[in-house]
Amino acid sequence: MDALVAQLGDEVQDVDAETFDIFSQPFSMEDLGMLDPKATVLDITIAGRDFEITQSPGLLQSSRDGGTTGAALWQSTLRCAEWLASPTNFLYTSGILDSGSLVLELGAGISGILPCILASHVKKVVATDQPYTLKALRSNIDMNARSNRTTNKMKDYNIEVCPLDWEKDDVAGFLRAHDFQGGFDAILACDCIYNYALIEPFVQTCADLCRSRSRDEHHTANRPTICVVVQQLRQAEVFEQWMSAFHKLFRSWRIPGDLLPRDLQEDSGFAVHVGILRSR
């Protein structure tokens, strides 16, 4: 873990300064970040690998309680997928993630792209979101994971899909129900922070998931769970409130540009932060 911290450079110390620095960058925001909200099927290529993603425009436009943003594919997911597909990604080269790692994605939505990309690098990926997304998520994973597998059975992939609602579910109960009490090597979240109401439950869920690793006697303090948060920059006030809540519970770093592809570097309109849960 010391090697990771050394690569990340300066730790975030001042939330106001971090917010000002990020939002003073000259980036443009032409839209909210959805790739094509009206398309039923999207053909995507990530690092030379083709994906066919089925969306639900009708669900996206519905007035469902709890939101519908998970029903579409977002730019942040594509940019993160390109980054995670690279074998030179520092998460792999530093040994943070390897063939024995367990990764959980929060707010996976319907695309399944990140689990499909990560599955070739780690032991297992757990994709989670609210129940309304899971049928489409499983279908997209089944379609796209199958293209690189000889099996047609989803249970034979190293990807598991589970319901997890930050605002309603008990994390301890979730971990027990799915036999994840030993925790995860990494928590990944892409574009999960887009309004004030989600901030506290999101940060608390991240913390509760990370604490499960700290309570596991088989893992030492040298290998805590890392939390990777990718965001499209929209409202400075929302970002600042998230950063403030996250910083209280996590040591935090913004990943420097030399460790990121151009589409996630400064001036791209996106930011990637890493958090390690603070010791009590």
C-alpha atoms as a PDB file:
ATOM      1  CA  MET A   1       0.000   0.000   0.000  1.00  0.00           C
ATOM      2  CA  ASP A   2       2.941   2.344   0.582  1.00  0.00           C
ATOM      3  CA  ALA A   3       3.852   1.990  -3.094  1.00  0.00           C
ATOM      4  CA  LEU A   4       0.326   3.028  -4.085  1.00  0.00           C
ATOM      5  CA  VAL A   5       0.379   6.093  -1.845  1.00  0.00           C
ATOM      6  CA  ALA A   6       3.762   7.109  -3.255  1.00  0.00           C
ATOM      7  CA  GLN A   7       2.393   6.977  -6.808  1.00  0.00           C
ATOM      8  CA  LEU A   8      -0.697   8.998  -5.903  1.00  0.00           C
ATOM      9  CA  GLY A   9       1.343  11.935  -4.652  1.00  0.00           C
ATOM     10  CA  ASP A  10      -0.152  14.672  -2.495  1.00  0.00           C
ATOM     11  CA  GLU A  11      -3.094  13.705  -0.327  1.00  0.00           C
ATOM     12  CA  VAL A  12      -6.165  15.954  -0.372  1.00  0.00           C
ATOM     13  CA  GLN A  13      -5.929  18.140   2.725  1.00  0.00           C
ATOM     14  CA  ASP A  14      -8.368  20.962   2.032  1.00  0.00           C
ATOM     15  CA  VAL A  15     -11.779  20.284   0.494  1.00  0.00           C
ATOM     16  CA  ASP A  16     -12.325  23.901  -0.576  1.00  0.00           C
ATOM     17  CA  ALA A  17      -8.944  24.021  -2.307  1.00  0.00           C
ATOM     18  CA  GLU A  18      -9.569  20.705  -4.061  1.00  0.00           C
ATOM     19  CA  THR A  19     -12.958  21.886  -5.306  1.00  0.00           C
ATOM     20  CA  PHE A  20     -11.583  25.211  -6.508  1.00  0.00           C
ATOM     21  CA  ASP A  21      -8.661  23.578  -8.289  1.00  0.00           C
ATOM     22  CA  ILE A  22     -10.856  21.077 -10.110  1.00  0.00           C
ATOM     23  CA  PHE A  23     -13.596  23.488 -11.154  1.00  0.00           C
ATOM     24  CA  SER A  24     -11.169  26.206 -12.248  1.00  0.00           C
ATOM     25  CA  GLN A  25     -10.048  23.901 -15.066  1.00  0.00           C
ATOM     26  CA  PRO A  26     -11.211  24.981 -18.554  1.00  0.00           C
ATOM     27  CA  PHE A  27     -13.500  22.085 -19.449  1.00  0.00           C
ATOM     28  CA  SER A  28     -16.810  22.227 -21.292  1.00  0.00           C
ATOM     29  CA  MET A  29     -19.965  20.309 -20.378  1.00  0.00           C
ATOM     30  CA  GLU A  30     -22.126  19.926 -23.468  1.00  0.00           C
ATOM     31  CA  ASP A  31     -24.614  17.508 -21.878  1.00  0.00           C
ATOM     32  CA  LEU A  32     -25.257  15.466 -18.758  1.00  0.00           C
ATOM     33  CA  GLY A  33     -23.036  12.669 -19.995  1.00  0.00           C
ATOM     34  CA  MET A  34     -25.444  10.050 -21.322  1.00  0.00           C
ATOM     35  CA  LEU A  35     -24.073   8.508 -24.488  1.00  0.00           C
ATOM     36  CA  ASP A  36     -27.398   8.279 -26.363  1.00  0.00           C
ATOM     37  CA  PRO A  37     -30.477   8.155 -24.108  1.00  0.00           C
ATOM     38  CA  LYS A  38     -32.856   7.456 -27.017  1.00  0.00           C
ATOM     39  CA  ALA A  39     -31.036   4.406 -28.386  1.00  0.00           C
ATOM     40  CA  THR A  40     -32.333   0.938 -27.563  1.00  0.00           C
ATOM     41  CA  VAL A  41     -29.064  -0.747 -28.557  1.00  0.00           C
ATOM     42  CA  LEU A  42     -25.556   0.732 -28.512  1.00  0.00           C
ATOM     43  CA  ASP A  43     -22.534  -0.808 -30.223  1.00  0.00           C
ATOM     44  CA  ILE A  44     -19.387   0.109 -28.290  1.00  0.00           C
ATOM     45  CA  THR A  45     -15.721  -0.781 -28.731  1.00  0.00           C
ATOM     46  CA  ILE A  46     -13.409  -0.699 -25.702  1.00  0.00           C
ATOM     47  CA  ALA A  47      -9.707  -1.434 -26.210  1.00  0.00           C
ATOM     48  CA  GLY A  48     -10.489  -3.387 -29.363  1.00  0.00           C
ATOM     49  CA  ARG A  49     -13.292  -5.401 -27.768  1.00  0.00           C
ATOM     50  CA  ASP A  50     -16.848  -5.030 -29.077  1.00  0.00           C
ATOM     51  CA  PHE A  51     -19.848  -4.650 -26.778  1.00  0.00           C
ATOM     52  CA  GLU A  52     -23.550  -4.612 -27.574  1.00  0.00           C
ATOM     53  CA  ILE A  53     -25.437  -2.747 -24.847  1.00  0.00           C
ATOM     54  CA  THR A  54     -29.223  -2.822 -24.577  1.00  0.00           C
ATOM     55  CA  GLN A  55     -30.732   0.248 -22.897  1.00  0.00           C
ATOM     56  CA  SER A  56     -34.248   1.100 -21.708  1.00  0.00           C
ATOM     57  CA  PRO A  57     -35.229   4.574 -22.984  1.00  0.00           C
ATOM     58  CA  GLY A  58     -38.762   4.101 -21.672  1.00  0.00           C
ATOM     59  CA  LEU A  59     -37.571   3.386 -18.150  1.00  0.00           C
ATOM     60  CA  LEU A  60     -35.112   6.272 -18.310  1.00  0.00           C
ATOM     61  CA  GLN A  61     -37.950   8.690 -19.108  1.00  0.00           C
ATOM     62  CA  SER A  62     -40.322   7.277 -16.495  1.00  0.00           C
ATOM     63  CA  SER A  63     -41.136   8.912 -13.172  1.00  0.00           C
ATOM     64  CA  ARG A  64     -39.998   5.954 -11.096  1.00  0.00           C
ATOM     65  CA  ASP A  65     -39.358   6.721  -7.426  1.00  0.00           C
ATOM     66  CA  GLY A  66     -35.670   6.441  -6.629  1.00  0.00           C
ATOM     67  CA  GLY A  67     -34.470   7.635 -10.033  1.00  0.00           C
ATOM     68  CA  THR A  68     -33.818   6.028 -13.404  1.00  0.00           C
ATOM     69  CA  THR A  69     -30.283   7.135 -14.261  1.00  0.00           C
ATOM     70  CA  GLY A  70     -29.044   3.550 -14.190  1.00  0.00           C
ATOM     71  CA  ALA A  71     -31.120   2.730 -17.280  1.00  0.00           C
ATOM     72  CA  ALA A  72     -28.632   4.370 -19.684  1.00  0.00           C
ATOM     73  CA  LEU A  73     -24.936   4.210 -20.565  1.00  0.00           C
ATOM     74  CA  TRP A  74     -22.820   7.159 -19.413  1.00  0.00           C
ATOM     75  CA  GLN A  75     -19.594   8.685 -20.732  1.00  0.00           C
ATOM     76  CA  SER A  76     -17.894   8.173 -17.377  1.00  0.00           C
ATOM     77  CA  THR A  77     -18.334   4.405 -17.721  1.00  0.00           C
ATOM     78  CA  LEU A  78     -16.751   4.353 -21.177  1.00  0.00           C
ATOM     79  CA  ARG A  79     -13.771   6.436 -20.076  1.00  0.00           C
ATOM     80  CA  CYS A  80     -13.265   4.358 -16.964  1.00  0.00           C
ATOM     81  CA  ALA A  81     -13.547   1.153 -19.012  1.00  0.00           C
ATOM     82  CA  GLU A  82     -10.775   2.255 -21.381  1.00  0.00           C
ATOM     83  CA  TRP A  83      -8.593   3.016 -18.371  1.00  0.00           C
ATOM     84  CA  LEU A  84      -9.309  -0.317 -16.667  1.00  0.00           C
ATOM     85  CA  ALA A  85      -8.749  -2.229 -19.911  1.00  0.00           C
ATOM     86  CA  SER A  86      -5.130  -1.086 -20.101  1.00  0.00           C
ATOM     87  CA  PRO A  87      -2.602  -3.596 -18.709  1.00  0.00           C
ATOM     88  CA  THR A  88      -0.436  -0.620 -17.691  1.00  0.00           C
ATOM     89  CA  ASN A  89      -3.127   0.729 -15.335  1.00  0.00           C
ATOM     90  CA  PHE A  90      -1.355   1.481 -12.053  1.00  0.00           C
ATOM     91  CA  LEU A  91      -3.941  -0.545 -10.122  1.00  0.00           C
ATOM     92  CA  TYR A  92      -2.492  -3.636 -11.808  1.00  0.00           C
ATOM     93  CA  THR A  93       1.164  -2.659 -12.019  1.00  0.00           C
ATOM     94  CA  SER A  94       1.255  -1.679  -8.329  1.00  0.00           C
ATOM     95  CA  GLY A  95      -0.280  -5.001  -7.313  1.00  0.00           C
ATOM     96  CA  ILE A  96      -3.426  -3.459  -5.837  1.00  0.00           C
ATOM     97  CA  LEU A  97      -5.516  -5.596  -8.189  1.00  0.00           C
ATOM     98  CA  ASP A  98      -4.412  -8.986  -9.450  1.00  0.00           C
ATOM     99  CA  SER A  99      -5.786 -12.404 -10.336  1.00  0.00           C
ATOM    100  CA  GLY A 100      -6.764 -13.011  -6.716  1.00  0.00           C
ATOM    101  CA  SER A 101      -8.658  -9.750  -6.156  1.00  0.00           C
ATOM    102  CA  LEU A 102     -12.338  -9.245  -5.357  1.00  0.00           C
ATOM    103  CA  VAL A 103     -13.894  -6.013  -6.663  1.00  0.00           C
ATOM    104  CA  LEU A 104     -17.353  -4.546  -6.027  1.00  0.00           C
ATOM    105  CA  GLU A 105     -18.961  -1.950  -8.290  1.00  0.00           C
ATOM    106  CA  LEU A 106     -21.519   0.408  -6.783  1.00  0.00           C
ATOM    107  CA  GLY A 107     -24.254   1.843  -9.001  1.00  0.00           C
ATOM    108  CA  ALA A 108     -23.394  -0.440 -11.911  1.00  0.00           C
ATOM    109  CA  GLY A 109     -26.449   0.529 -13.959  1.00  0.00           C
ATOM    110  CA  ILE A 110     -27.487  -1.638 -16.899  1.00  0.00           C
ATOM    111  CA  SER A 111     -24.421  -1.779 -19.145  1.00  0.00           C
ATOM    112  CA  GLY A 112     -22.166  -4.313 -17.406  1.00  0.00           C
ATOM    113  CA  ILE A 113     -19.138  -2.956 -19.270  1.00  0.00           C
ATOM    114  CA  LEU A 114     -16.915  -2.416 -16.241  1.00  0.00           C
ATOM    115  CA  PRO A 115     -17.498  -5.901 -14.775  1.00  0.00           C
ATOM    116  CA  CYS A 116     -16.789  -7.463 -18.180  1.00  0.00           C
ATOM    117  CA  ILE A 117     -13.535  -5.494 -18.492  1.00  0.00           C
ATOM    118  CA  LEU A 118     -12.401  -6.149 -14.919  1.00  0.00           C
ATOM    119  CA  ALA A 119     -13.253  -9.847 -15.023  1.00  0.00           C
ATOM    120  CA  SER A 120     -10.168 -10.644 -17.090  1.00  0.00           C
ATOM    121  CA  HIS A 121      -7.888  -8.998 -14.495  1.00  0.00           C
ATOM    122  CA  VAL A 122      -9.289 -10.140 -11.141  1.00  0.00           C
ATOM    123  CA  LYS A 123     -10.704 -13.207  -9.413  1.00  0.00           C
ATOM    124  CA  LYS A 124     -14.272 -11.936  -9.131  1.00  0.00           C
ATOM    125  CA  VAL A 125     -16.362  -8.822  -9.793  1.00  0.00           C
ATOM    126  CA  VAL A 126     -19.585  -8.078  -7.916  1.00  0.00           C
ATOM    127  CA  ALA A 127     -21.854  -5.637  -9.783  1.00  0.00           C
ATOM    128  CA  THR A 128     -24.502  -3.962  -7.601  1.00  0.00           C
ATOM    129  CA  ASP A 129     -27.345  -1.509  -8.054  1.00  0.00           C
ATOM    130  CA  GLN A 130     -31.018  -1.022  -7.273  1.00  0.00           C
ATOM    131  CA  PRO A 131     -33.223  -4.001  -8.214  1.00  0.00           C
ATOM    132  CA  TYR A 132     -34.841  -2.246 -11.203  1.00  0.00           C
ATOM    133  CA  THR A 133     -31.556  -2.361 -13.161  1.00  0.00           C
ATOM    134  CA  LEU A 134     -30.577  -5.954 -12.494  1.00  0.00           C
ATOM    135  CA  LYS A 135     -32.491  -7.811 -15.218  1.00  0.00           C
ATOM    136  CA  ALA A 136     -30.963  -5.626 -17.948  1.00  0.00           C
ATOM    137  CA  LEU A 137     -27.565  -5.691 -16.228  1.00  0.00           C
ATOM    138  CA  ARG A 138     -27.528  -9.491 -16.148  1.00  0.00           C
ATOM    139  CA  SER A 139     -28.642  -9.639 -19.772  1.00  0.00           C
ATOM    140  CA  ASN A 140     -25.893  -7.288 -20.957  1.00  0.00           C
ATOM    141  CA  ILE A 141     -23.238  -9.108 -18.955  1.00  0.00           C
ATOM    142  CA  ASP A 142     -24.450 -12.447 -20.305  1.00  0.00           C
ATOM    143  CA  MET A 143     -24.320 -11.149 -23.878  1.00  0.00           C
ATOM    144  CA  ASN A 144     -20.898  -9.534 -23.645  1.00  0.00           C
ATOM    145  CA  ALA A 145     -19.076 -11.873 -21.271  1.00  0.00           C
ATOM    146  CA  ARG A 146     -20.172 -14.821 -23.410  1.00  0.00           C
ATOM    147  CA  SER A 147     -18.303 -13.445 -26.415  1.00  0.00           C
ATOM    148  CA  ASN A 148     -14.995 -14.282 -24.716  1.00  0.00           C
ATOM    149  CA  ARG A 149     -16.116 -17.496 -23.001  1.00  0.00           C
ATOM    150  CA  THR A 150     -16.884 -21.036 -24.089  1.00  0.00           C
ATOM    151  CA  THR A 151     -19.716 -21.337 -21.565  1.00  0.00           C
ATOM    152  CA  ASN A 152     -23.218 -19.925 -21.983  1.00  0.00           C
ATOM    153  CA  LYS A 153     -24.007 -20.094 -18.279  1.00  0.00           C
ATOM    154  CA  MET A 154     -23.702 -16.850 -16.351  1.00  0.00           C
ATOM    155  CA  LYS A 155     -22.919 -18.729 -13.138  1.00  0.00           C
ATOM    156  CA  ASP A 156     -19.662 -19.835 -14.766  1.00  0.00           C
ATOM    157  CA  TYR A 157     -18.448 -16.251 -15.283  1.00  0.00           C
ATOM    158  CA  ASN A 158     -16.454 -14.612 -12.496  1.00  0.00           C
ATOM    159  CA  ILE A 159     -19.107 -11.874 -12.306  1.00  0.00           C
ATOM    160  CA  GLU A 160     -21.927 -11.789  -9.756  1.00  0.00           C
ATOM    161  CA  VAL A 161     -24.892  -9.399  -9.879  1.00  0.00           C
ATOM    162  CA  CYS A 162     -26.491  -8.401  -6.554  1.00  0.00           C
ATOM    163  CA  PRO A 163     -29.061  -5.824  -5.413  1.00  0.00           C
ATOM    164  CA  LEU A 164     -27.678  -3.081  -3.170  1.00  0.00           C
ATOM    165  CA  ASP A 165     -29.592   0.136  -2.522  1.00  0.00           C
ATOM    166  CA  TRP A 166     -27.463   2.640  -0.571  1.00  0.00           C
ATOM    167  CA  GLU A 167     -30.486   4.413   0.890  1.00  0.00           C
ATOM    168  CA  LYS A 168     -32.371   1.309   2.034  1.00  0.00           C
ATOM    169  CA  ASP A 169     -30.130  -1.717   2.473  1.00  0.00           C
ATOM    170  CA  ASP A 170     -28.060  -2.724   5.471  1.00  0.00           C
ATOM    171  CA  VAL A 171     -24.498  -3.334   4.299  1.00  0.00           C
ATOM    172  CA  ALA A 172     -23.746  -5.869   7.042  1.00  0.00           C
ATOM    173  CA  GLY A 173     -26.812  -7.859   5.997  1.00  0.00           C
ATOM    174  CA  PHE A 174     -25.782  -7.643   2.347  1.00  0.00           C
ATOM    175  CA  LEU A 175     -22.308  -8.968   3.163  1.00  0.00           C
ATOM    176  CA  ARG A 176     -23.693 -11.859   5.209  1.00  0.00           C
ATOM    177  CA  ALA A 177     -26.322 -12.778   2.634  1.00  0.00           C
ATOM    178  CA  HIS A 178     -23.752 -13.078  -0.149  1.00  0.00           C
ATOM    179  CA  ASP A 179     -20.862 -14.424   1.952  1.00  0.00           C
ATOM    180  CA  PHE A 180     -18.679 -11.344   1.482  1.00  0.00           C
ATOM    181  CA  GLN A 181     -17.758 -10.847   5.153  1.00  0.00           C
ATOM    182  CA  GLY A 182     -14.061 -10.863   4.232  1.00  0.00           C
ATOM    183  CA  GLY A 183     -14.556  -7.636   2.319  1.00  0.00           C
ATOM    184  CA  PHE A 184     -13.223  -6.462  -1.026  1.00  0.00           C
ATOM    185  CA  ASP A 185      -9.895  -5.371  -2.423  1.00  0.00           C
ATOM    186  CA  ALA A 186     -11.510  -2.439  -4.223  1.00  0.00           C
ATOM    187  CA  ILE A 187     -14.809  -0.578  -4.445  1.00  0.00           C
ATOM    188  CA  LEU A 188     -15.485   1.113  -7.789  1.00  0.00           C
ATOM    189  CA  ALA A 189     -18.093   3.803  -8.455  1.00  0.00           C
ATOM    190  CA  CYS A 190     -18.692   5.673 -11.717  1.00  0.00           C
ATOM    191  CA  ASP A 191     -20.846   8.805 -11.767  1.00  0.00           C
ATOM    192  CA  CYS A 192     -22.783   7.888  -8.635  1.00  0.00           C
ATOM    193  CA  ILE A 193     -22.828  11.420  -7.198  1.00  0.00           C
ATOM    194  CA  TYR A 194     -25.185  13.724  -9.059  1.00  0.00           C
ATOM    195  CA  ASN A 195     -27.426  15.176  -6.337  1.00  0.00           C
ATOM    196  CA  TYR A 196     -27.221  16.086  -2.662  1.00  0.00           C
ATOM    197  CA  ALA A 197     -29.588  13.371  -1.432  1.00  0.00           C
ATOM    198  CA  LEU A 198     -27.265  10.557  -2.526  1.00  0.00           C
ATOM    199  CA  ILE A 199     -24.092  11.854  -0.898  1.00  0.00           C
ATOM    200  CA  GLU A 200     -24.470  10.651   2.693  1.00  0.00           C
ATOM    201  CA  PRO A 201     -25.836   7.167   1.894  1.00  0.00           C
ATOM    202  CA  PHE A 202     -23.217   6.680  -0.817  1.00  0.00           C
ATOM    203  CA  VAL A 203     -20.291   7.659   1.408  1.00  0.00           C
ATOM    204  CA  GLN A 204     -21.638   5.623   4.324  1.00  0.00           C
ATOM    205  CA  THR A 205     -22.049   2.565   2.087  1.00  0.00           C
ATOM    206  CA  CYS A 206     -18.463   2.948   0.882  1.00  0.00           C
ATOM    207  CA  ALA A 207     -17.254   3.181   4.477  1.00  0.00           C
ATOM    208  CA  ASP A 208     -19.288   0.192   5.654  1.00  0.00           C
ATOM    209  CA  LEU A 209     -17.981  -1.944   2.791  1.00  0.00           C
ATOM    210  CA  CYS A 210     -14.394  -0.928   3.524  1.00  0.00           C
ATOM    211  CA  ARG A 211     -14.780  -1.657   7.247  1.00  0.00           C
ATOM    212  CA  SER A 212     -15.633  -5.259   6.452  1.00  0.00           C
ATOM    213  CA  ARG A 213     -12.048  -5.719   5.251  1.00  0.00           C
ATOM    214  CA  SER A 214     -10.590  -4.028   8.327  1.00  0.00           C
ATOM    215  CA  ARG A 215     -12.523  -6.458  10.555  1.00  0.00           C
ATOM    216  CA  ASP A 216     -11.286  -9.525   8.683  1.00  0.00           C
ATOM    217  CA  GLU A 217      -8.442 -11.155  10.609  1.00  0.00           C
ATOM    218  CA  HIS A 218      -6.951 -12.619   7.420  1.00  0.00           C
ATOM    219  CA  HIS A 219      -6.127  -9.180   5.975  1.00  0.00           C
ATOM    220  CA  THR A 220      -3.601  -6.869   7.571  1.00  0.00           C
ATOM    221  CA  ALA A 221      -3.598  -3.091   7.688  1.00  0.00           C
ATOM    222  CA  ASN A 222      -1.206  -3.154   4.737  1.00  0.00           C
ATOM    223  CA  ARG A 223      -3.994  -4.248   2.371  1.00  0.00           C
ATOM    224  CA  PRO A 224      -7.078  -2.195   3.166  1.00  0.00           C
ATOM    225  CA  THR A 225      -9.877  -1.812   0.648  1.00  0.00           C
ATOM    226  CA  ILE A 226      -9.364   1.062  -1.763  1.00  0.00           C
ATOM    227  CA  CYS A 227     -12.305   3.072  -3.029  1.00  0.00           C
ATOM    228  CA  VAL A 228     -12.069   4.421  -6.609  1.00  0.00           C
ATOM    229  CA  VAL A 229     -14.587   7.135  -7.531  1.00  0.00           C
ATOM    230  CA  VAL A 230     -14.899   8.407 -11.116  1.00  0.00           C
ATOM    231  CA  GLN A 231     -17.033  11.503 -11.665  1.00  0.00           C
ATOM    232  CA  GLN A 232     -18.119  13.766 -14.459  1.00  0.00           C
ATOM    233  CA  LEU A 233     -17.786  17.316 -13.163  1.00  0.00           C
ATOM    234  CA  ARG A 234     -21.135  19.100 -13.170  1.00  0.00           C
ATOM    235  CA  GLN A 235     -22.015  21.144 -10.071  1.00  0.00           C
ATOM    236  CA  ALA A 236     -19.220  22.437  -7.862  1.00  0.00           C
ATOM    237  CA  GLU A 237     -21.548  22.571  -4.845  1.00  0.00           C
ATOM    238  CA  VAL A 238     -22.506  18.893  -5.133  1.00  0.00           C
ATOM    239  CA  PHE A 239     -18.879  17.862  -5.627  1.00  0.00           C
ATOM    240  CA  GLU A 240     -17.749  19.914  -2.627  1.00  0.00           C
ATOM    241  CA  GLN A 241     -20.378  18.383  -0.363  1.00  0.00           C
ATOM    242  CA  TRP A 242     -19.410  14.879  -1.528  1.00  0.00           C
ATOM    243  CA  MET A 243     -15.701  15.615  -1.079  1.00  0.00           C
ATOM    244  CA  SER A 244     -16.331  16.955   2.411  1.00  0.00           C
ATOM    245  CA  ALA A 245     -18.300  13.877   3.485  1.00  0.00           C
ATOM    246  CA  PHE A 246     -15.834  11.489   1.838  1.00  0.00           C
ATOM    247  CA  HIS A 247     -12.797  13.264   3.277  1.00  0.00           C
ATOM    248  CA  LYS A 248     -14.115  12.908   6.828  1.00  0.00           C
ATOM    249  CA  LEU A 249     -14.072   9.126   6.564  1.00  0.00           C
ATOM    250  CA  PHE A 250     -11.389   8.489   3.941  1.00  0.00           C
ATOM    251  CA  ARG A 251      -7.854   9.583   3.285  1.00  0.00           C
ATOM    252  CA  SER A 252      -8.241  10.910  -0.246  1.00  0.00           C
ATOM    253  CA  TRP A 253      -6.148  11.469  -3.349  1.00  0.00           C
ATOM    254  CA  ARG A 254      -6.967  12.752  -6.809  1.00  0.00           C
ATOM    255  CA  ILE A 255      -5.237  10.421  -9.249  1.00  0.00           C
ATOM    256  CA  PRO A 256      -2.575  12.445 -11.106  1.00  0.00           C
ATOM    257  CA  GLY A 257      -2.810  12.880 -14.849  1.00  0.00           C
ATOM    258  CA  ASP A 258       0.249  10.793 -15.663  1.00  0.00           C
ATOM    259  CA  LEU A 259      -1.586   7.735 -14.293  1.00  0.00           C
ATOM    260  CA  LEU A 260      -4.724   8.369 -16.356  1.00  0.00           C
ATOM    261  CA  PRO A 261      -5.679   8.331 -20.045  1.00  0.00           C
ATOM    262  CA  ARG A 262      -6.240  11.708 -21.694  1.00  0.00           C
ATOM    263  CA  ASP A 263     -10.031  11.369 -21.401  1.00  0.00           C
ATOM    264  CA  LEU A 264      -9.798  11.375 -17.592  1.00  0.00           C
ATOM    265  CA  GLN A 265      -7.001  13.892 -17.071  1.00  0.00           C
ATOM    266  CA  GLU A 266      -7.304  17.543 -16.060  1.00  0.00           C
ATOM    267  CA  ASP A 267      -9.420  19.665 -18.400  1.00  0.00           C
ATOM    268  CA  SER A 268     -11.391  16.571 -19.498  1.00  0.00           C
ATOM    269  CA  GLY A 269     -14.412  17.409 -17.357  1.00  0.00           C
ATOM    270  CA  PHE A 270     -13.849  14.268 -15.282  1.00  0.00           C
ATOM    271  CA  ALA A 271     -11.974  13.456 -12.084  1.00  0.00           C
ATOM    272  CA  VAL A 272     -10.866  10.225 -10.419  1.00  0.00           C
ATOM    273  CA  HIS A 273     -10.299   9.994  -6.675  1.00  0.00           C
ATOM    274  CA  VAL A 274      -8.987   7.173  -4.512  1.00  0.00           C
ATOM    275  CA  GLY A 275      -9.935   6.773  -0.872  1.00  0.00           C
ATOM    276  CA  ILE A 276      -8.584   4.618   1.959  1.00  0.00           C
ATOM    277  CA  LEU A 277     -10.757   4.413   5.070  1.00  0.00           C
ATOM    278  CA  ARG A 278      -9.333   6.364   7.997  1.00  0.00           C
ATOM    279  CA  SER A 279      -8.379   4.499  11.155  1.00  0.00           C
ATOM    280  CA  ARG A 280     -10.672   5.277  14.042  1.00  0.00           C
END
